[in-house]
Amino acid sequence: MEYRQPVFWSYVIVLLLLVTLPLNTTSELNNITILQLRGDYFFHILMFLPWMFFRKALRIKPLLWLLIGLLFASATEGLQYLIPWRAFNVNDVLANVMGIILGFGLALFIGKIVRVFALKKS
């Protein structure tokens, strides 16, 4: 469990670097669609999907962690509004939030599966 906190902080740093560095790759991602989503929105969802899986390592209640995740996901895009070489996009905020919410649901689902298998073994 000790390794999860450094992994979480590395994850946060990578996210912050991705939203602040002058990366101009979105034009290529805009032309790709995955599951009827533009590629950059799909990438935003994937970036925030792991958020909920760090909750146990940080020992925070699920709903509080969900709220912190939603605020962080929105703040990362809001930060881009203040940076001249980045662009704020409401759809990116929605994709970030969707990643947090899907991660929350996935974490709950996996937690239930683990509990069911643990009960079957005992």
Protein backbone atom coordinates (compact mmCIF):
# COMPACT_ATOMS: atom_id res chain seq x y z
CA MET A 1 0.00 0.00 0.00
CA GLU A 2 2.90 2.39 0.66
CA TYR A 3 3.73 2.61 -3.03
CA ARG A 4 0.29 3.95 -3.94
CA GLN A 5 0.75 7.43 -2.49
CA PRO A 6 3.87 8.19 -4.56
CA VAL A 7 2.11 6.72 -7.60
CA PHE A 8 -0.89 8.98 -6.93
CA TRP A 9 1.27 12.11 -6.63
CA SER A 10 3.12 11.13 -9.81
CA TYR A 11 -0.26 10.74 -11.51
CA VAL A 12 -1.34 14.22 -10.34
CA ILE A 13 1.94 15.77 -11.52
CA VAL A 14 1.61 14.13 -14.94
CA LEU A 15 -1.98 15.40 -15.24
CA LEU A 16 -0.91 18.92 -14.31
CA LEU A 17 1.94 18.81 -16.82
CA LEU A 18 -0.39 17.58 -19.56
CA VAL A 19 -2.83 20.45 -18.96
CA THR A 20 -0.20 23.20 -18.63
CA LEU A 21 2.54 22.37 -21.16
CA PRO A 22 2.17 23.82 -24.66
CA LEU A 23 1.19 20.58 -26.37
CA ASN A 24 -0.49 21.03 -29.74
CA THR A 25 -1.49 17.45 -30.46
CA THR A 26 -5.24 18.00 -30.15
CA SER A 27 -5.63 18.80 -33.84
CA GLU A 28 -4.74 15.19 -34.68
CA LEU A 29 -6.97 13.87 -31.88
CA ASN A 30 -9.90 15.99 -33.09
CA ASN A 31 -10.02 13.98 -36.33
CA ILE A 32 -10.18 10.60 -34.57
CA THR A 33 -13.41 9.19 -33.14
CA ILE A 34 -13.52 6.38 -30.59
CA LEU A 35 -16.94 5.07 -29.54
CA GLN A 36 -18.43 8.12 -31.28
CA LEU A 37 -16.34 10.47 -29.12
CA ARG A 38 -13.71 12.81 -30.47
CA GLY A 39 -10.27 11.43 -29.68
CA ASP A 40 -9.29 14.27 -27.35
CA TYR A 41 -12.46 13.84 -25.26
CA PHE A 42 -11.83 10.10 -25.06
CA PHE A 43 -8.27 10.85 -23.89
CA HIS A 44 -9.61 13.26 -21.23
CA ILE A 45 -11.92 10.52 -19.94
CA LEU A 46 -9.04 8.03 -19.81
CA MET A 47 -6.79 10.49 -17.97
CA PHE A 48 -9.25 10.93 -15.11
CA LEU A 49 -10.59 7.36 -14.95
CA PRO A 50 -7.91 6.12 -12.46
CA TRP A 51 -8.67 8.88 -9.91
CA MET A 52 -11.04 6.82 -7.75
CA PHE A 53 -8.63 3.89 -7.48
CA PHE A 54 -6.29 5.99 -5.32
CA ARG A 55 -8.93 6.65 -2.66
CA LYS A 56 -8.08 3.74 -0.38
CA ALA A 57 -4.37 4.57 -0.37
CA LEU A 58 -5.18 8.08 0.83
CA ARG A 59 -7.85 6.85 3.30
CA ILE A 60 -10.59 9.26 2.22
CA LYS A 61 -14.34 8.54 2.22
CA PRO A 62 -15.71 7.67 -1.25
CA LEU A 63 -18.13 10.57 -1.68
CA LEU A 64 -15.60 13.12 -0.41
CA TRP A 65 -13.01 11.68 -2.80
CA LEU A 66 -15.55 11.88 -5.64
CA LEU A 67 -16.19 15.55 -4.82
CA ILE A 68 -12.44 16.29 -4.67
CA GLY A 69 -12.02 14.52 -8.00
CA LEU A 70 -14.81 16.51 -9.64
CA LEU A 71 -13.29 19.75 -8.36
CA PHE A 72 -9.79 18.72 -9.49
CA ALA A 73 -11.06 17.69 -12.93
CA SER A 74 -12.81 21.04 -13.35
CA ALA A 75 -9.89 23.02 -11.93
CA THR A 76 -7.38 21.48 -14.34
CA GLU A 77 -9.40 22.73 -17.27
CA GLY A 78 -10.06 26.07 -15.54
CA LEU A 79 -6.31 26.44 -15.12
CA GLN A 80 -5.99 26.35 -18.90
CA TYR A 81 -8.14 29.49 -19.09
CA LEU A 82 -5.35 31.37 -17.28
CA ILE A 83 -2.50 30.04 -19.45
CA PRO A 84 -2.04 31.96 -22.72
CA TRP A 85 -0.88 28.98 -24.80
CA ARG A 86 -3.71 26.71 -23.65
CA ALA A 87 -7.43 26.92 -24.43
CA PHE A 88 -10.38 26.42 -22.08
CA ASN A 89 -13.09 24.15 -23.42
CA VAL A 90 -16.32 23.29 -21.61
CA ASN A 91 -16.49 19.95 -23.43
CA ASP A 92 -13.09 19.08 -21.97
CA VAL A 93 -14.45 19.82 -18.48
CA LEU A 94 -17.38 17.50 -19.18
CA ALA A 95 -15.02 14.79 -20.44
CA ASN A 96 -12.82 15.16 -17.33
CA VAL A 97 -15.88 14.91 -15.07
CA MET A 98 -17.15 11.93 -17.06
CA GLY A 99 -13.79 10.20 -16.44
CA ILE A 100 -14.10 10.79 -12.68
CA ILE A 101 -17.70 9.51 -12.61
CA LEU A 102 -16.95 6.45 -14.76
CA GLY A 103 -13.94 5.72 -12.55
CA PHE A 104 -16.18 5.98 -9.49
CA GLY A 105 -18.64 3.50 -10.97
CA LEU A 106 -15.87 1.18 -12.09
CA ALA A 107 -14.24 1.26 -8.64
CA LEU A 108 -17.58 0.42 -6.99
CA PHE A 109 -18.19 -2.40 -9.46
CA ILE A 110 -14.72 -3.90 -9.01
CA GLY A 111 -15.05 -3.53 -5.22
CA LYS A 112 -18.29 -5.52 -5.27
CA ILE A 113 -16.76 -8.24 -7.43
CA VAL A 114 -13.78 -8.53 -5.07
CA ARG A 115 -16.11 -8.79 -2.06
CA VAL A 116 -18.23 -11.48 -3.75
CA PHE A 117 -15.16 -13.57 -4.58
CA ALA A 118 -13.79 -13.05 -1.06
CA LEU A 119 -17.08 -14.33 0.41
CA LYS A 120 -17.06 -17.36 -1.90
CA LYS A 121 -13.53 -18.28 -0.81
CA SER A 122 -14.37 -18.19 2.89
